Amino acid sequence: MRTIEKQRPPTRTVHGWAISVLHEAGAIRECDDHGWMKDRADPHARDLALEIASKHPPAGLTAQAATEAVREVLDSIGDSCPECLPD
């Protein structure tokens, strides 16, 4: 008879955590057709994401390291989907 193991909590990378914070704040969105993340260029959403990162950093990161991780991810995301045809 098989035994069921306890479900482990999801593990995230710092990069994945930063993406989730940016998405939650509305600073980035997903391309409807291809799934790439796109920068919404909303300064208020960016500020909110940085505030969330500094006040609620993941375990093992300082507030400064968390905000830097969010900035790095945001800097790596463009405002257009690389697979969408230009208008």
N, C-alpha and C. Protein backbone atom coordinates (compact mmCIF):
# COMPACT_ATOMS: atom_id res chain seq x y z
N MET A 1 0.83 -1.17 0.00
CA MET A 1 0.00 0.00 0.00
C MET A 1 0.88 1.24 0.00
N ARG A 2 0.50 2.20 -0.83
CA ARG A 2 1.27 3.42 -0.93
C ARG A 2 0.93 4.37 0.21
N THR A 3 1.93 5.10 0.63
CA THR A 3 1.69 6.14 1.61
C THR A 3 1.81 7.49 0.93
N ILE A 4 1.05 8.41 1.40
CA ILE A 4 1.07 9.75 0.82
C ILE A 4 1.96 10.63 1.67
N GLU A 5 2.93 11.23 1.00
CA GLU A 5 3.83 12.14 1.71
C GLU A 5 3.14 13.47 1.92
N LYS A 6 3.56 14.16 2.94
CA LYS A 6 3.06 15.52 3.15
C LYS A 6 3.48 16.39 1.98
N GLN A 7 2.59 17.27 1.59
CA GLN A 7 2.96 18.20 0.54
C GLN A 7 3.96 19.19 1.08
N ARG A 8 4.99 19.41 0.31
CA ARG A 8 6.00 20.37 0.72
C ARG A 8 5.54 21.77 0.32
N PRO A 9 5.94 22.76 1.08
CA PRO A 9 5.60 24.13 0.67
C PRO A 9 6.33 24.45 -0.63
N PRO A 10 5.73 25.27 -1.47
CA PRO A 10 6.40 25.59 -2.72
C PRO A 10 7.69 26.34 -2.46
N THR A 11 8.73 25.96 -3.17
CA THR A 11 9.98 26.68 -3.05
C THR A 11 10.09 27.61 -4.23
N ARG A 12 10.57 28.79 -3.99
CA ARG A 12 10.71 29.78 -5.04
C ARG A 12 12.13 30.30 -5.05
N THR A 13 12.53 30.70 -6.23
CA THR A 13 13.79 31.40 -6.33
C THR A 13 13.52 32.87 -6.02
N VAL A 14 14.56 33.61 -5.77
CA VAL A 14 14.40 35.04 -5.52
C VAL A 14 13.84 35.70 -6.77
N HIS A 15 14.29 35.25 -7.94
CA HIS A 15 13.80 35.78 -9.21
C HIS A 15 12.29 35.53 -9.34
N GLY A 16 11.85 34.34 -9.04
CA GLY A 16 10.42 34.01 -9.11
C GLY A 16 9.61 34.81 -8.10
N TRP A 17 10.17 34.98 -6.92
CA TRP A 17 9.48 35.79 -5.91
C TRP A 17 9.33 37.23 -6.39
N ALA A 18 10.39 37.78 -6.97
CA ALA A 18 10.35 39.16 -7.45
C ALA A 18 9.31 39.32 -8.56
N ILE A 19 9.21 38.36 -9.45
CA ILE A 19 8.20 38.40 -10.51
C ILE A 19 6.80 38.40 -9.89
N SER A 20 6.59 37.57 -8.89
CA SER A 20 5.27 37.52 -8.27
C SER A 20 4.92 38.83 -7.57
N VAL A 21 5.90 39.48 -6.96
CA VAL A 21 5.66 40.78 -6.31
C VAL A 21 5.32 41.83 -7.36
N LEU A 22 6.06 41.86 -8.46
CA LEU A 22 5.79 42.81 -9.53
C LEU A 22 4.42 42.58 -10.16
N HIS A 23 4.05 41.33 -10.32
CA HIS A 23 2.75 40.99 -10.90
C HIS A 23 1.63 41.38 -9.94
N GLU A 24 1.80 41.09 -8.67
CA GLU A 24 0.80 41.43 -7.65
C GLU A 24 0.58 42.94 -7.58
N ALA A 25 1.66 43.71 -7.72
CA ALA A 25 1.56 45.16 -7.64
C ALA A 25 1.02 45.78 -8.94
N GLY A 26 0.97 44.99 -10.00
CA GLY A 26 0.48 45.50 -11.27
C GLY A 26 1.55 46.19 -12.10
N ALA A 27 2.80 45.99 -11.76
CA ALA A 27 3.90 46.62 -12.49
C ALA A 27 4.21 45.88 -13.79
N ILE A 28 3.88 44.61 -13.85
CA ILE A 28 4.09 43.83 -15.06
C ILE A 28 2.81 43.06 -15.36
N ARG A 29 2.69 42.64 -16.61
CA ARG A 29 1.57 41.80 -16.99
C ARG A 29 2.06 40.78 -18.00
N GLU A 30 1.26 39.77 -18.21
CA GLU A 30 1.61 38.70 -19.12
C GLU A 30 1.01 38.95 -20.49
N CYS A 31 1.78 38.69 -21.55
CA CYS A 31 1.26 38.80 -22.91
C CYS A 31 0.14 37.77 -23.06
N ASP A 32 -1.00 38.22 -23.55
CA ASP A 32 -2.16 37.33 -23.68
C ASP A 32 -1.90 36.17 -24.65
N ASP A 33 -1.09 36.41 -25.67
CA ASP A 33 -0.88 35.40 -26.70
C ASP A 33 0.30 34.47 -26.44
N HIS A 34 1.37 34.99 -25.81
CA HIS A 34 2.59 34.20 -25.71
C HIS A 34 3.10 33.95 -24.30
N GLY A 35 2.58 34.68 -23.32
CA GLY A 35 2.97 34.43 -21.93
C GLY A 35 4.19 35.18 -21.45
N TRP A 36 4.84 35.98 -22.29
CA TRP A 36 5.99 36.76 -21.85
C TRP A 36 5.52 37.86 -20.90
N MET A 37 6.35 38.20 -19.93
CA MET A 37 6.05 39.30 -19.03
C MET A 37 6.39 40.61 -19.71
N LYS A 38 5.53 41.62 -19.51
CA LYS A 38 5.72 42.93 -20.11
C LYS A 38 5.62 44.00 -19.03
N ASP A 39 6.51 44.97 -19.11
CA ASP A 39 6.51 46.09 -18.18
C ASP A 39 5.34 47.01 -18.51
N ARG A 40 4.53 47.35 -17.52
CA ARG A 40 3.38 48.23 -17.74
C ARG A 40 3.76 49.71 -17.68
N ALA A 41 4.98 50.01 -17.29
CA ALA A 41 5.48 51.40 -17.20
C ALA A 41 4.58 52.25 -16.30
N ASP A 42 4.13 51.68 -15.22
CA ASP A 42 3.29 52.39 -14.25
C ASP A 42 4.15 52.72 -13.04
N PRO A 43 4.53 53.99 -12.85
CA PRO A 43 5.42 54.32 -11.73
C PRO A 43 4.81 54.03 -10.36
N HIS A 44 3.50 54.16 -10.24
CA HIS A 44 2.86 53.87 -8.95
C HIS A 44 2.93 52.38 -8.63
N ALA A 45 2.75 51.54 -9.64
CA ALA A 45 2.84 50.10 -9.44
C ALA A 45 4.27 49.69 -9.10
N ARG A 46 5.24 50.33 -9.75
CA ARG A 46 6.65 50.04 -9.42
C ARG A 46 6.94 50.40 -7.97
N ASP A 47 6.47 51.57 -7.56
CA ASP A 47 6.69 52.00 -6.17
C ASP A 47 6.04 51.03 -5.19
N LEU A 48 4.83 50.58 -5.53
CA LEU A 48 4.14 49.62 -4.67
C LEU A 48 4.93 48.32 -4.57
N ALA A 49 5.46 47.83 -5.70
CA ALA A 49 6.24 46.59 -5.70
C ALA A 49 7.48 46.74 -4.82
N LEU A 50 8.15 47.86 -4.92
CA LEU A 50 9.33 48.09 -4.09
C LEU A 50 8.97 48.21 -2.62
N GLU A 51 7.82 48.80 -2.34
CA GLU A 51 7.36 48.90 -0.95
C GLU A 51 7.04 47.51 -0.39
N ILE A 52 6.36 46.69 -1.19
CA ILE A 52 6.05 45.32 -0.76
C ILE A 52 7.35 44.56 -0.49
N ALA A 53 8.32 44.70 -1.39
CA ALA A 53 9.59 43.99 -1.24
C ALA A 53 10.33 44.42 0.02
N SER A 54 10.30 45.71 0.31
CA SER A 54 11.05 46.17 1.49
C SER A 54 10.36 45.82 2.80
N LYS A 55 9.03 45.79 2.78
CA LYS A 55 8.30 45.48 4.01
C LYS A 55 8.08 43.99 4.25
N HIS A 56 8.10 43.21 3.17
CA HIS A 56 7.84 41.77 3.30
C HIS A 56 8.85 40.96 2.49
N PRO A 57 10.14 41.07 2.81
CA PRO A 57 11.14 40.30 2.05
C PRO A 57 10.99 38.81 2.35
N PRO A 58 11.39 37.97 1.40
CA PRO A 58 11.32 36.53 1.67
C PRO A 58 12.35 36.14 2.73
N ALA A 59 12.14 35.00 3.31
CA ALA A 59 13.05 34.52 4.36
C ALA A 59 14.47 34.45 3.81
N GLY A 60 15.39 34.96 4.58
CA GLY A 60 16.79 34.90 4.20
C GLY A 60 17.30 36.12 3.44
N LEU A 61 16.43 37.06 3.13
CA LEU A 61 16.85 38.27 2.42
C LEU A 61 16.57 39.50 3.28
N THR A 62 17.46 40.45 3.19
CA THR A 62 17.22 41.72 3.85
C THR A 62 16.26 42.54 2.99
N ALA A 63 15.71 43.58 3.55
CA ALA A 63 14.82 44.45 2.80
C ALA A 63 15.55 45.07 1.61
N GLN A 64 16.80 45.44 1.82
CA GLN A 64 17.59 46.05 0.74
C GLN A 64 17.84 45.05 -0.38
N ALA A 65 18.17 43.81 -0.04
CA ALA A 65 18.41 42.78 -1.06
C ALA A 65 17.13 42.45 -1.81
N ALA A 66 16.00 42.46 -1.11
CA ALA A 66 14.72 42.16 -1.75
C ALA A 66 14.34 43.24 -2.75
N THR A 67 14.52 44.51 -2.36
CA THR A 67 14.19 45.59 -3.30
C THR A 67 15.14 45.59 -4.48
N GLU A 68 16.39 45.25 -4.27
CA GLU A 68 17.34 45.16 -5.37
C GLU A 68 16.95 44.03 -6.33
N ALA A 69 16.48 42.91 -5.79
CA ALA A 69 16.04 41.80 -6.64
C ALA A 69 14.85 42.22 -7.50
N VAL A 70 13.92 42.96 -6.92
CA VAL A 70 12.76 43.45 -7.69
C VAL A 70 13.22 44.41 -8.77
N ARG A 71 14.14 45.28 -8.45
CA ARG A 71 14.67 46.23 -9.45
C ARG A 71 15.36 45.49 -10.60
N GLU A 72 16.16 44.48 -10.27
CA GLU A 72 16.87 43.72 -11.30
C GLU A 72 15.89 43.02 -12.25
N VAL A 73 14.86 42.42 -11.69
CA VAL A 73 13.87 41.74 -12.53
C VAL A 73 13.13 42.76 -13.39
N LEU A 74 12.74 43.86 -12.82
CA LEU A 74 12.03 44.88 -13.57
C LEU A 74 12.90 45.42 -14.72
N ASP A 75 14.19 45.61 -14.45
CA ASP A 75 15.11 46.08 -15.49
C ASP A 75 15.28 45.07 -16.62
N SER A 76 15.04 43.80 -16.34
CA SER A 76 15.23 42.76 -17.35
C SER A 76 13.98 42.51 -18.20
N ILE A 77 12.87 43.15 -17.86
CA ILE A 77 11.61 42.93 -18.57
C ILE A 77 11.34 44.13 -19.47
N GLY A 78 11.06 43.86 -20.74
CA GLY A 78 10.76 44.93 -21.68
C GLY A 78 9.29 45.29 -21.69
N ASP A 79 8.96 46.30 -22.49
CA ASP A 79 7.57 46.73 -22.56
C ASP A 79 6.81 46.11 -23.71
N SER A 80 7.45 45.20 -24.45
CA SER A 80 6.77 44.52 -25.54
C SER A 80 7.13 43.04 -25.54
N CYS A 81 6.26 42.25 -26.11
CA CYS A 81 6.48 40.80 -26.19
C CYS A 81 7.41 40.53 -27.37
N PRO A 82 8.48 39.76 -27.18
CA PRO A 82 9.39 39.50 -28.28
C PRO A 82 8.78 38.66 -29.42
N GLU A 83 7.67 37.99 -29.15
CA GLU A 83 7.05 37.16 -30.17
C GLU A 83 5.90 37.86 -30.92
N CYS A 84 5.41 38.96 -30.38
CA CYS A 84 4.33 39.69 -31.05
C CYS A 84 4.91 40.51 -32.20
N LEU A 85 4.15 40.60 -33.27
CA LEU A 85 4.57 41.41 -34.42
C LEU A 85 4.43 42.89 -34.07
N PRO A 86 5.39 43.72 -34.49
CA PRO A 86 5.25 45.16 -34.21
C PRO A 86 4.08 45.74 -34.97
N ASP A 87 3.45 46.75 -34.37
CA ASP A 87 2.31 47.40 -35.02
C ASP A 87 2.73 48.24 -36.19
